[in-house]
Protein backbone atom coordinates (compact mmCIF):
# COMPACT_ATOMS: atom_id res chain seq x y z
CA MET A 1 0.00 0.00 0.00
CA THR A 2 1.42 3.37 -0.99
CA ASP A 3 2.33 5.65 1.88
CA PRO A 4 0.41 8.96 1.54
CA THR A 5 3.57 10.84 2.44
CA ASP A 6 5.49 9.18 -0.40
CA THR A 7 4.83 12.13 -2.70
CA PRO A 8 6.65 15.37 -3.43
CA ASP A 9 3.66 17.32 -2.11
CA VAL A 10 3.70 15.95 1.44
CA GLN A 11 6.34 15.71 4.15
CA GLY A 12 6.20 14.69 7.79
CA ASP A 13 4.95 11.69 9.70
CA TYR A 14 1.90 10.13 11.28
CA ALA A 15 1.22 7.43 13.87
CA ASP A 16 -0.28 4.02 13.25
CA GLY A 17 -4.03 4.32 12.87
CA PHE A 18 -3.95 7.79 11.31
CA ARG A 19 -3.14 6.82 7.74
CA GLU A 20 -6.50 8.10 6.52
CA VAL A 21 -5.71 11.58 7.81
CA ALA A 22 -2.47 11.56 5.84
CA ALA A 23 -4.29 10.27 2.78
CA GLU A 24 -6.85 13.07 2.93
CA PHE A 25 -4.08 15.62 3.38
CA ALA A 26 -2.39 14.28 0.23
CA ARG A 27 -5.72 14.29 -1.64
CA ASN A 28 -6.11 17.97 -0.84
CA PHE A 29 -3.10 18.60 -3.06
CA SER A 30 -3.89 16.13 -5.81
CA GLU A 31 -7.65 16.68 -6.05
CA ARG A 32 -8.76 19.76 -4.10
CA ASP A 33 -6.46 22.52 -5.29
CA GLU A 34 -4.41 22.92 -2.11
CA LEU A 35 -1.44 25.28 -2.58
CA GLY A 36 0.45 25.06 0.71
CA ALA A 37 -0.71 23.64 4.01
CA ALA A 38 0.16 21.88 7.25
CA ILE A 39 -1.68 19.79 9.83
CA ASN A 40 -0.77 18.85 13.39
CA VAL A 41 -2.90 16.55 15.52
CA ARG A 42 -2.24 15.61 19.16
CA ILE A 43 -3.94 13.17 21.50
CA ASN A 44 -3.39 13.90 25.19
CA GLY A 45 -0.43 16.04 24.16
CA GLU A 46 1.24 13.38 22.00
CA THR A 47 1.62 14.18 18.31
CA VAL A 48 -0.05 11.62 16.06
CA VAL A 49 -0.05 13.60 12.80
CA ASP A 50 2.52 16.17 11.70
CA LEU A 51 2.42 16.88 7.97
CA TRP A 52 3.15 19.78 5.66
CA GLY A 53 3.53 20.34 1.97
CA GLY A 54 3.09 22.52 -1.08
CA THR A 55 4.40 26.03 -1.55
CA THR A 56 4.29 29.22 0.48
CA ALA A 57 3.33 31.43 -2.46
CA SER A 58 1.91 30.96 -5.89
CA ARG A 59 4.54 33.26 -7.43
CA ASP A 60 7.89 31.85 -6.35
CA GLY A 61 7.09 28.27 -5.36
CA ARG A 62 9.11 28.42 -2.12
CA PRO A 63 8.46 25.09 -0.34
CA TRP A 64 6.30 24.98 2.76
CA GLN A 65 8.32 23.99 5.83
CA ALA A 66 7.33 22.50 9.17
CA ASP A 67 7.70 25.93 10.81
CA THR A 68 6.07 28.01 8.06
CA LEU A 69 3.72 30.64 9.42
CA VAL A 70 0.58 32.02 7.79
CA THR A 71 -2.19 34.42 8.75
CA VAL A 72 -5.05 32.34 10.16
CA PHE A 73 -7.71 35.03 10.21
CA SER A 74 -10.48 34.21 12.71
CA CYS A 75 -8.58 31.31 14.25
CA THR A 76 -7.09 34.27 16.14
CA LYS A 77 -10.37 34.65 18.02
CA GLY A 78 -9.71 31.41 19.89
CA ALA A 79 -6.39 32.80 21.12
CA THR A 80 -7.98 36.10 22.14
CA ALA A 81 -10.86 34.36 23.92
CA THR A 82 -8.40 32.18 25.82
CA CYS A 83 -6.82 35.33 27.26
CA ALA A 84 -10.19 36.44 28.65
CA HIS A 85 -10.93 32.98 30.06
CA LEU A 86 -7.55 32.87 31.78
CA LEU A 87 -8.20 36.21 33.46
CA ALA A 88 -11.65 35.01 34.52
CA ASP A 89 -10.17 31.79 35.90
CA ARG A 90 -7.73 33.82 37.99
CA GLY A 91 -10.56 35.85 39.47
CA GLN A 92 -9.43 39.05 37.74
CA LEU A 93 -12.36 39.26 35.32
CA ASP A 94 -16.05 38.70 36.02
CA LEU A 95 -17.71 37.65 32.78
CA ASP A 96 -21.14 38.69 34.06
CA ALA A 97 -20.08 42.09 35.33
CA PRO A 98 -21.41 45.23 33.66
CA LEU A 99 -18.97 46.22 30.95
CA ALA A 100 -19.41 49.83 32.09
CA ASP A 101 -17.32 48.98 35.16
CA LEU A 102 -14.34 48.40 32.86
CA TRP A 103 -15.08 50.45 29.78
CA PRO A 104 -17.54 53.26 30.51
CA GLU A 105 -16.59 55.10 27.30
CA LEU A 106 -18.24 52.41 25.16
CA PRO A 107 -21.86 53.21 24.17
CA ALA A 108 -22.82 49.53 24.31
CA ALA A 109 -21.53 49.38 27.87
CA ARG A 110 -23.74 52.30 28.84
CA GLN A 111 -26.67 50.36 27.36
CA GLY A 112 -26.24 47.42 29.70
CA ALA A 113 -23.69 45.19 27.95
CA THR A 114 -21.78 42.67 30.04
CA VAL A 115 -18.32 41.25 29.48
CA ARG A 116 -19.92 37.96 28.43
CA MET A 117 -21.66 39.67 25.50
CA THR A 118 -18.32 40.54 23.91
CA LEU A 119 -17.47 36.83 23.84
CA ASP A 120 -20.78 35.40 22.62
CA HIS A 121 -21.23 37.88 19.75
CA SER A 122 -24.31 39.52 21.22
CA ILE A 123 -22.94 42.95 22.18
CA GLY A 124 -24.17 44.51 18.93
CA LEU A 125 -20.90 45.92 17.57
CA PRO A 126 -20.20 43.80 14.47
CA ALA A 127 -19.17 46.79 12.37
CA ILE A 128 -17.88 50.33 12.65
CA ARG A 129 -20.45 52.73 11.25
CA HIS A 130 -18.12 55.46 9.96
CA ARG A 131 -15.55 55.00 7.22
CA LEU A 132 -12.18 53.84 8.58
CA ALA A 133 -8.86 55.03 7.19
CA ASP A 134 -6.89 52.47 5.20
CA ASP A 135 -4.30 52.11 7.97
CA ALA A 136 -6.69 52.18 10.94
CA CYS A 137 -6.55 48.48 11.78
CA ALA A 138 -2.86 48.70 12.65
CA ASP A 139 -3.47 51.31 15.36
CA TRP A 140 -5.05 49.94 18.54
CA ASP A 141 -6.14 53.30 19.95
CA THR A 142 -7.76 54.28 16.65
CA MET A 143 -9.86 51.12 16.56
CA VAL A 144 -10.84 51.36 20.22
CA GLY A 145 -11.78 54.99 19.65
CA ALA A 146 -13.88 53.97 16.64
CA LEU A 147 -15.80 51.51 18.80
CA GLU A 148 -16.36 54.25 21.36
CA GLU A 149 -18.01 56.29 18.60
CA THR A 150 -20.25 53.42 17.44
CA GLU A 151 -23.80 53.00 18.64
CA PRO A 152 -24.79 49.32 18.86
CA TRP A 153 -26.61 47.88 15.85
CA TRP A 154 -29.02 46.17 18.27
CA GLU A 155 -29.74 46.24 21.98
CA PRO A 156 -26.84 44.40 23.61
CA GLY A 157 -27.72 40.83 24.50
CA THR A 158 -30.86 40.58 22.39
CA ARG A 159 -29.36 39.08 19.19
CA ASN A 160 -26.31 37.12 18.10
CA GLY A 161 -24.31 38.29 15.12
CA TYR A 162 -20.78 37.29 14.23
CA HIS A 163 -18.23 40.02 15.01
CA MET A 164 -15.67 39.42 12.26
CA LEU A 165 -13.00 41.99 13.12
CA THR A 166 -14.42 43.98 16.02
CA PHE A 167 -14.29 40.93 18.33
CA GLY A 168 -10.54 41.44 18.55
CA TRP A 169 -10.84 44.95 19.91
CA THR A 170 -13.85 44.47 22.19
CA VAL A 171 -12.40 41.41 23.94
CA GLY A 172 -8.83 42.60 23.46
CA GLU A 173 -9.44 45.96 25.11
CA ILE A 174 -10.95 44.17 28.10
CA VAL A 175 -7.80 42.04 28.33
CA ARG A 176 -5.65 45.17 28.09
CA ARG A 177 -7.57 47.06 30.77
CA VAL A 178 -7.61 44.17 33.22
CA SER A 179 -4.05 42.90 32.70
CA GLY A 180 -2.27 46.19 32.02
CA ARG A 181 -0.61 44.59 28.99
CA SER A 182 -1.42 44.69 25.31
CA LEU A 183 -3.37 41.74 23.98
CA GLY A 184 -0.41 40.39 22.01
CA THR A 185 1.95 40.72 24.95
CA PHE A 186 -0.44 39.06 27.38
CA PHE A 187 -1.12 36.23 24.96
CA ARG A 188 2.57 35.62 24.31
CA GLN A 189 3.67 35.75 27.96
CA GLU A 190 0.77 33.95 29.61
CA ILE A 191 -0.40 31.47 26.97
CA ALA A 192 1.79 30.98 23.89
CA GLU A 193 5.17 30.73 25.62
CA PRO A 194 4.00 28.42 28.47
CA ALA A 195 2.23 26.18 25.91
CA GLY A 196 5.21 26.19 23.54
CA ALA A 197 2.89 27.56 20.85
CA ASP A 198 4.51 29.18 17.82
CA PHE A 199 1.58 31.57 17.57
CA TRP A 200 1.65 35.36 17.48
CA ILE A 201 -0.81 38.23 17.73
CA GLY A 202 1.60 40.86 16.47
CA LEU A 203 4.43 39.17 14.59
CA PRO A 204 7.95 40.50 15.22
CA GLU A 205 9.98 41.44 12.17
CA SER A 206 12.49 38.72 12.98
CA GLU A 207 9.87 36.09 12.04
CA HIS A 208 8.70 37.62 8.76
CA HIS A 209 10.91 35.34 6.68
CA ARG A 210 8.77 32.36 7.71
CA MET A 211 5.48 33.79 6.44
CA ALA A 212 3.50 32.21 3.62
CA ARG A 213 1.49 34.44 1.31
CA VAL A 214 -2.28 34.00 1.25
CA SER A 215 -3.98 33.39 -2.07
CA VAL A 216 -7.27 35.18 -1.46
CA TRP A 217 -10.44 33.46 -2.63
CA ARG A 218 -12.39 35.32 -5.29
CA PRO A 219 -15.99 34.26 -5.93
CA GLU A 220 -16.69 32.76 -9.31
CA PRO A 221 -19.45 34.26 -11.48
CA GLY A 222 -22.80 33.21 -10.12
CA TYR A 223 -21.54 32.48 -6.58
CA SER A 224 -24.07 33.53 -3.97
CA SER A 225 -24.60 33.07 -0.26
CA SER A 226 -26.96 34.59 2.25
CA PHE A 227 -24.07 36.72 3.48
CA THR A 228 -23.04 38.02 0.06
CA GLN A 229 -26.68 38.66 -0.83
CA ALA A 230 -26.99 40.86 2.26
CA ILE A 231 -23.88 42.81 1.26
CA LYS A 232 -25.23 43.44 -2.21
CA ALA A 233 -28.64 44.43 -0.87
CA ASP A 234 -27.31 47.20 1.39
CA ARG A 235 -23.80 48.56 0.91
CA LYS A 236 -24.16 50.57 4.12
CA GLY A 237 -25.60 47.74 6.17
CA MET A 238 -24.04 45.62 8.89
CA GLN A 239 -22.76 42.89 6.60
CA ALA A 240 -21.17 45.26 4.11
CA LEU A 241 -19.45 47.36 6.76
CA ALA A 242 -18.34 44.31 8.76
CA PHE A 243 -16.72 42.82 5.66
CA LEU A 244 -15.56 45.86 3.69
CA ASN A 245 -14.79 48.47 6.36
CA GLY A 246 -11.81 46.71 7.93
CA GLY A 247 -9.41 49.60 8.29
CA GLY A 248 -7.00 48.28 5.69
CA PHE A 249 -6.39 44.79 7.07
CA ASN A 250 -4.27 42.83 4.56
CA ALA A 251 -3.16 39.30 5.38
CA ASN A 252 -0.11 39.69 3.12
CA ALA A 253 1.11 43.06 4.42
CA PRO A 254 3.89 43.24 7.05
CA ASP A 255 2.14 46.16 8.77
CA SER A 256 -0.89 43.94 9.31
CA TRP A 257 1.29 41.06 10.54
CA MET A 258 2.90 43.27 13.17
CA ALA A 259 -0.31 44.86 14.42
CA GLU A 260 -2.40 43.35 17.21
CA ILE A 261 -5.70 42.49 15.55
CA GLY A 262 -7.23 39.97 17.92
CA GLY A 263 -10.03 38.98 15.57
CA ALA A 264 -8.02 38.27 12.45
CA ASN A 265 -4.23 38.63 12.21
CA GLY A 266 -2.87 35.75 14.26
CA THR A 267 0.10 34.08 12.59
CA THR A 268 1.00 30.52 13.39
CA SER A 269 2.26 27.19 12.18
CA ALA A 270 0.06 24.10 12.37
CA ARG A 271 2.17 22.95 15.30
CA GLY A 272 1.58 26.29 17.00
CA LEU A 273 -2.17 26.14 16.47
CA ALA A 274 -2.41 22.62 17.87
CA ALA A 275 -0.14 23.60 20.77
CA LEU A 276 -2.51 26.43 21.69
CA TYR A 277 -5.35 23.93 22.04
CA THR A 278 -3.35 21.16 23.72
CA PRO A 279 -3.90 22.44 27.29
CA LEU A 280 -7.48 23.33 26.35
CA ALA A 281 -8.13 19.69 25.44
CA SER A 282 -7.20 18.54 28.93
CA SER A 283 -9.65 18.21 31.79
CA GLU A 284 -6.76 18.29 34.26
CA GLY A 285 -6.48 22.07 34.48
CA GLU A 286 -3.20 22.51 32.62
CA LEU A 287 -4.00 26.11 31.64
CA LEU A 288 -7.64 26.63 32.52
CA SER A 289 -9.46 24.96 35.38
CA PRO A 290 -11.89 22.10 34.63
CA ASP A 291 -14.78 24.48 35.30
CA ALA A 292 -13.34 26.99 32.87
CA ILE A 293 -12.99 24.30 30.20
CA ILE A 294 -16.69 23.50 30.60
CA ARG A 295 -17.58 27.19 30.46
CA ALA A 296 -15.50 27.76 27.33
CA SER A 297 -16.76 24.69 25.47
CA SER A 298 -20.46 25.01 26.27
CA VAL A 299 -22.81 26.60 23.75
CA ALA A 300 -23.48 30.14 24.95
CA GLY A 301 -25.36 31.47 21.95
CA ALA A 302 -27.21 29.71 19.16
CA SER A 303 -29.20 31.38 16.46
CA SER A 304 -31.36 30.10 13.63
CA ILE A 305 -30.35 33.20 11.66
CA ASP A 306 -27.10 34.87 12.69
CA ALA A 307 -27.59 38.64 12.36
CA ILE A 308 -24.42 38.95 10.26
CA LEU A 309 -23.79 35.61 8.56
CA ARG A 310 -27.49 35.03 7.82
CA MET A 311 -27.37 31.33 8.63
CA PRO A 312 -27.61 29.17 11.78
CA THR A 313 -24.64 29.43 14.14
CA ARG A 314 -23.57 27.99 17.51
CA PHE A 315 -20.97 29.77 19.62
CA GLY A 316 -19.39 29.21 22.98
CA LEU A 317 -17.79 32.12 24.81
CA GLY A 318 -15.37 33.20 22.11
CA PHE A 319 -15.26 29.83 20.36
CA MET A 320 -17.21 28.07 17.64
CA CYS A 321 -19.01 24.86 18.48
CA SER A 322 -20.06 22.24 15.94
CA MET A 323 -22.33 23.76 13.30
CA ASP A 324 -24.10 21.47 10.86
CA ASN A 325 -25.92 23.39 8.15
CA ARG A 326 -25.69 20.74 5.46
CA GLY A 327 -29.45 20.50 5.23
CA GLY A 328 -30.00 24.24 5.23
CA ALA A 329 -31.36 26.57 2.62
CA PRO A 330 -29.25 27.29 -0.47
CA GLY A 331 -26.66 29.91 0.36
CA ALA A 332 -26.68 29.05 4.07
CA ARG A 333 -25.08 25.59 4.24
CA ASP A 334 -21.60 26.44 5.51
CA SER A 335 -20.66 24.06 8.33
CA VAL A 336 -17.95 23.05 10.75
CA ILE A 337 -18.67 19.59 12.13
CA LEU A 338 -16.78 18.64 15.28
CA GLY A 339 -17.30 16.49 18.35
CA ARG A 340 -20.16 17.10 20.75
CA HIS A 341 -18.06 19.10 23.23
CA ALA A 342 -15.32 20.30 20.90
CA TYR A 343 -14.63 24.02 20.67
CA GLY A 344 -12.28 26.15 18.61
CA HIS A 345 -12.42 28.45 15.63
CA VAL A 346 -12.21 28.43 11.86
CA GLY A 347 -10.37 31.07 9.87
CA ALA A 348 -11.44 32.66 6.59
CA GLY A 349 -10.76 30.30 3.72
CA GLY A 350 -10.84 27.12 5.77
CA SER A 351 -8.14 26.90 8.44
CA ILE A 352 -9.14 25.55 11.87
CA GLY A 353 -7.85 24.98 15.36
CA PHE A 354 -9.86 23.24 18.08
CA ALA A 355 -9.83 21.12 21.20
CA ASP A 356 -12.05 18.18 22.11
CA PRO A 357 -11.79 17.39 25.84
CA ASP A 358 -13.85 14.21 25.38
CA CYS A 359 -10.91 12.52 23.64
CA GLY A 360 -7.96 14.77 24.52
CA LEU A 361 -7.75 15.95 20.91
CA SER A 362 -6.01 19.15 19.82
CA PHE A 363 -6.01 19.95 16.13
CA GLY A 364 -4.41 22.56 13.89
CA TYR A 365 -4.77 22.90 10.13
CA ILE A 366 -3.50 25.92 8.22
CA MET A 367 -3.32 26.71 4.51
CA ASN A 368 -2.67 29.61 2.16
CA ARG A 369 -5.16 29.10 -0.66
CA GLN A 370 -8.52 30.17 0.65
CA GLY A 371 -11.63 28.23 -0.24
CA PRO A 372 -15.23 29.45 -0.44
CA GLY A 373 -17.63 30.03 2.41
CA MET A 374 -17.48 31.28 5.99
CA MET A 375 -16.77 27.95 7.71
CA LEU A 376 -14.83 24.85 6.67
CA ASN A 377 -14.60 23.68 3.10
CA GLU A 378 -13.97 20.14 1.87
CA ARG A 379 -10.23 20.30 2.51
CA GLY A 380 -10.41 21.05 6.22
CA GLN A 381 -13.54 19.06 6.96
CA SER A 382 -12.07 15.95 5.32
CA LEU A 383 -9.13 16.14 7.75
CA VAL A 384 -11.39 16.63 10.76
CA ASP A 385 -13.60 13.73 9.66
CA ALA A 386 -10.65 11.39 9.11
CA THR A 387 -9.26 12.27 12.54
CA TYR A 388 -12.51 11.44 14.29
CA ARG A 389 -12.83 8.17 12.37
CA ALA A 390 -9.29 7.27 13.44
CA LEU A 391 -10.37 7.82 17.03
CA GLY A 392 -13.28 5.39 16.67
CA TYR A 393 -16.08 7.89 16.19
CA ARG A 394 -18.83 6.38 14.08
CA THR A 395 -20.92 9.18 12.60
CA ASN A 396 -21.08 12.92 12.10
CA ARG A 397 -24.87 13.02 12.09
CA PRO A 398 -26.87 14.60 13.50
CA GLY A 399 -24.83 17.74 13.91
CA CYS A 400 -21.59 16.46 15.39
CA TRP A 401 -19.20 13.52 15.58
CA VAL A 402 -20.20 10.86 18.14
CA ARG A 403 -18.72 7.55 19.15
């Protein structure tokens, strides 16, 4: 039987029992238009899959390495949320406290928002209403000031709507005010370094040589989703401003790499992404207490129609939970199908990092050719599915993987 890694596209290793994961990773290159990618899977902290392959850029063909970094977009939200959970676990942050106690300058706080609402996407600040300058996203004070000038799009706590970019500044500013450190500094010192995670929110110039370039997905003629339909219907509406008014964020620009954009600009290797979730997959309290793990992984907000994405969603406090929309209406079928108690986050184009405490699983998959949709596409989901099958899970219906 041919070894899936016996191909120029794939390097690395995998443990007995995980051959199917390696085979799906190889198929992503041969059949699913993968450009460059890596996957790292750990069970109870032990690596069982560590693969990489392809190229770091479509222009020069520089090979992907085991330590290649790439922007992982909203996978960053999991790192940012972990900072808040760590502060809460230490008794320094009350998730149910009025946000006005910490951030009285924020209009949403004056309207009754709590800290929890920043994490579960119900605070009502998915977009900045006024036009942002093209370099705004790289300046923390500018973005915080913009939020302080934004009236909520809905009464805080009454709806759930995905906060694409603003999540990083609402939660991140709370982390900054409580800890006295910037989000990127707190994350590096308190989470990434102790976990041995090669993951950055604010990449130093010394690491720029390791970055892969993102090949941004462009919709083909005729492509349509509930989200894109909403953008076209109202160019000044929530969806359009959330997606198009990003203050100049560019996943391939060094200025964006070096900024601290807690909703979108995390840079990591697959090993780094899996390392972030390794202590979060443990029920032994390696980083967060067992109670905090339950709090983080439990569904905190579920909506039949997300106010921004216009499809059903399920979120924990700062994390995505399994979302199965395969049977949904046309244009609203994007899914990310995980274990029953798994929690993590996808990134635009199809990257994903997550933990599943039920089986001690931590998982990181990164890539540089984006695919369609707001959740996982076939490349990432095939790897998740193969991993669960290798662990003895029998079905991913209804809604999640179960044994």
